[in-house]
Amino acid sequence: MTTVTPAQAHLHLRADATYPFDARGVAKRFRHAAIFGALDVLQGGEAMEFINDHDPLPLLEQLRSRYGDHLEWAYLERGPQMVRIRFSKKG
């Protein structure tokens, strides 16, 4: 039997090895833990498309401290009500 964590429940692999993660559906108090969990299970060369309702600047600083050069990100959309960021894990 396979166990799926809450972080993994929001991930569905796309053909290009990019997993969507819509943080808007995760309770605010669980968001950072869920995002860390999702990024922790990514393999080198895989990516996660993160969707949120605001620009997560404090989170990005935490990610920089936690993952250093092993994680890259780029904004796909940076609007006032929707932010999309592609996180890529280096191999």
C-alpha atoms as a PDB file:
ATOM      1  CA  MET A   1       0.000   0.000   0.000  1.00  0.00           C
ATOM      2  CA  THR A   2       1.319   3.455  -0.945  1.00  0.00           C
ATOM      3  CA  THR A   3       0.967   6.302   1.533  1.00  0.00           C
ATOM      4  CA  VAL A   4       0.369   9.765   0.100  1.00  0.00           C
ATOM      5  CA  THR A   5       1.363  12.735   2.260  1.00  0.00           C
ATOM      6  CA  PRO A   6      -0.725  15.939   2.255  1.00  0.00           C
ATOM      7  CA  ALA A   7       2.015  17.646   0.233  1.00  0.00           C
ATOM      8  CA  GLN A   8       1.954  14.902  -2.394  1.00  0.00           C
ATOM      9  CA  ALA A   9      -1.830  14.969  -2.664  1.00  0.00           C
ATOM     10  CA  HIS A  10      -1.576  18.266  -4.540  1.00  0.00           C
ATOM     11  CA  LEU A  11       0.952  16.957  -7.043  1.00  0.00           C
ATOM     12  CA  HIS A  12       0.018  15.476 -10.397  1.00  0.00           C
ATOM     13  CA  LEU A  13       2.844  14.801 -12.841  1.00  0.00           C
ATOM     14  CA  ARG A  14       2.622  16.521 -16.206  1.00  0.00           C
ATOM     15  CA  ALA A  15       4.359  15.206 -19.309  1.00  0.00           C
ATOM     16  CA  ASP A  16       7.326  17.574 -18.802  1.00  0.00           C
ATOM     17  CA  ALA A  17       8.101  16.350 -15.231  1.00  0.00           C
ATOM     18  CA  THR A  18       6.492  19.454 -13.729  1.00  0.00           C
ATOM     19  CA  TYR A  19       4.118  19.000 -10.817  1.00  0.00           C
ATOM     20  CA  PRO A  20       1.415  21.618 -10.193  1.00  0.00           C
ATOM     21  CA  PHE A  21       1.015  22.782  -6.593  1.00  0.00           C
ATOM     22  CA  ASP A  22      -1.875  25.147  -5.886  1.00  0.00           C
ATOM     23  CA  ALA A  23      -1.212  26.583  -2.435  1.00  0.00           C
ATOM     24  CA  ARG A  24      -4.563  28.377  -2.413  1.00  0.00           C
ATOM     25  CA  GLY A  25      -6.215  25.085  -1.464  1.00  0.00           C
ATOM     26  CA  VAL A  26      -3.958  24.506   1.548  1.00  0.00           C
ATOM     27  CA  ALA A  27      -4.802  26.048   4.924  1.00  0.00           C
ATOM     28  CA  LYS A  28      -2.437  28.959   5.574  1.00  0.00           C
ATOM     29  CA  ARG A  29      -0.943  27.426   8.705  1.00  0.00           C
ATOM     30  CA  PHE A  30       0.076  24.311   6.726  1.00  0.00           C
ATOM     31  CA  ARG A  31       1.296  25.985   3.520  1.00  0.00           C
ATOM     32  CA  HIS A  32       5.013  26.299   4.205  1.00  0.00           C
ATOM     33  CA  ALA A  33       5.270  22.763   5.585  1.00  0.00           C
ATOM     34  CA  ALA A  34       3.375  21.392   2.579  1.00  0.00           C
ATOM     35  CA  ILE A  35       5.572  23.316   0.138  1.00  0.00           C
ATOM     36  CA  PHE A  36       8.773  22.144   1.849  1.00  0.00           C
ATOM     37  CA  GLY A  37       7.476  18.570   1.774  1.00  0.00           C
ATOM     38  CA  ALA A  38       6.626  18.800  -1.921  1.00  0.00           C
ATOM     39  CA  LEU A  39      10.015  20.274  -2.811  1.00  0.00           C
ATOM     40  CA  ASP A  40      11.840  17.721  -0.648  1.00  0.00           C
ATOM     41  CA  VAL A  41      10.453  14.818  -2.684  1.00  0.00           C
ATOM     42  CA  LEU A  42      11.303  16.310  -6.078  1.00  0.00           C
ATOM     43  CA  GLN A  43      14.110  14.500  -7.859  1.00  0.00           C
ATOM     44  CA  GLY A  44      16.873  16.306  -9.721  1.00  0.00           C
ATOM     45  CA  GLY A  45      15.532  17.605 -13.023  1.00  0.00           C
ATOM     46  CA  GLU A  46      11.918  17.714 -11.824  1.00  0.00           C
ATOM     47  CA  ALA A  47       9.990  20.921 -11.272  1.00  0.00           C
ATOM     48  CA  MET A  48       6.945  22.204  -9.439  1.00  0.00           C
ATOM     49  CA  GLU A  49       4.640  24.936 -10.704  1.00  0.00           C
ATOM     50  CA  PHE A  50       3.554  26.801  -7.606  1.00  0.00           C
ATOM     51  CA  ILE A  51       0.321  28.829  -7.637  1.00  0.00           C
ATOM     52  CA  ASN A  52      -0.561  31.259  -4.870  1.00  0.00           C
ATOM     53  CA  ASP A  53      -2.805  34.254  -4.179  1.00  0.00           C
ATOM     54  CA  HIS A  54       0.113  36.526  -3.195  1.00  0.00           C
ATOM     55  CA  ASP A  55       3.833  36.947  -3.787  1.00  0.00           C
ATOM     56  CA  PRO A  56       5.528  34.673  -1.204  1.00  0.00           C
ATOM     57  CA  LEU A  57       8.660  36.749  -0.572  1.00  0.00           C
ATOM     58  CA  PRO A  58       9.290  35.422   2.992  1.00  0.00           C
ATOM     59  CA  LEU A  59       8.899  31.859   1.676  1.00  0.00           C
ATOM     60  CA  LEU A  60      11.455  32.502  -1.076  1.00  0.00           C
ATOM     61  CA  GLU A  61      13.986  33.602   1.539  1.00  0.00           C
ATOM     62  CA  GLN A  62      13.325  30.439   3.531  1.00  0.00           C
ATOM     63  CA  LEU A  63      13.787  28.357   0.380  1.00  0.00           C
ATOM     64  CA  ARG A  64      17.063  30.116  -0.401  1.00  0.00           C
ATOM     65  CA  SER A  65      18.336  29.254   3.100  1.00  0.00           C
ATOM     66  CA  ARG A  66      17.087  25.672   3.006  1.00  0.00           C
ATOM     67  CA  TYR A  67      18.049  24.625  -0.534  1.00  0.00           C
ATOM     68  CA  GLY A  68      20.772  27.072  -1.571  1.00  0.00           C
ATOM     69  CA  ASP A  69      21.898  26.492  -5.149  1.00  0.00           C
ATOM     70  CA  HIS A  70      20.021  23.179  -5.433  1.00  0.00           C
ATOM     71  CA  LEU A  71      16.749  24.931  -6.228  1.00  0.00           C
ATOM     72  CA  GLU A  72      16.041  27.501  -8.925  1.00  0.00           C
ATOM     73  CA  TRP A  73      12.874  29.480  -9.449  1.00  0.00           C
ATOM     74  CA  ALA A  74      11.363  31.794 -11.997  1.00  0.00           C
ATOM     75  CA  TYR A  75       8.138  33.743 -11.974  1.00  0.00           C
ATOM     76  CA  LEU A  76       5.680  32.638 -14.653  1.00  0.00           C
ATOM     77  CA  GLU A  77       3.043  35.150 -13.535  1.00  0.00           C
ATOM     78  CA  ARG A  78       3.320  37.890 -10.924  1.00  0.00           C
ATOM     79  CA  GLY A  79      -0.014  39.626 -10.572  1.00  0.00           C
ATOM     80  CA  PRO A  80      -1.785  41.192  -7.608  1.00  0.00           C
ATOM     81  CA  GLN A  81      -4.164  38.241  -7.173  1.00  0.00           C
ATOM     82  CA  MET A  82      -2.258  35.325  -8.678  1.00  0.00           C
ATOM     83  CA  VAL A  83       1.385  34.335  -8.597  1.00  0.00           C
ATOM     84  CA  ARG A  84       2.846  31.372 -10.480  1.00  0.00           C
ATOM     85  CA  ILE A  85       6.425  30.300  -9.852  1.00  0.00           C
ATOM     86  CA  ARG A  86       8.303  27.403 -11.408  1.00  0.00           C
ATOM     87  CA  PHE A  87      10.631  25.740  -8.900  1.00  0.00           C
ATOM     88  CA  SER A  88      13.254  23.456 -10.475  1.00  0.00           C
ATOM     89  CA  LYS A  89      15.429  21.062  -8.509  1.00  0.00           C
ATOM     90  CA  LYS A  90      18.943  20.674  -9.837  1.00  0.00           C
ATOM     91  CA  GLY A  91      20.207  17.159 -10.463  1.00  0.00           C
END
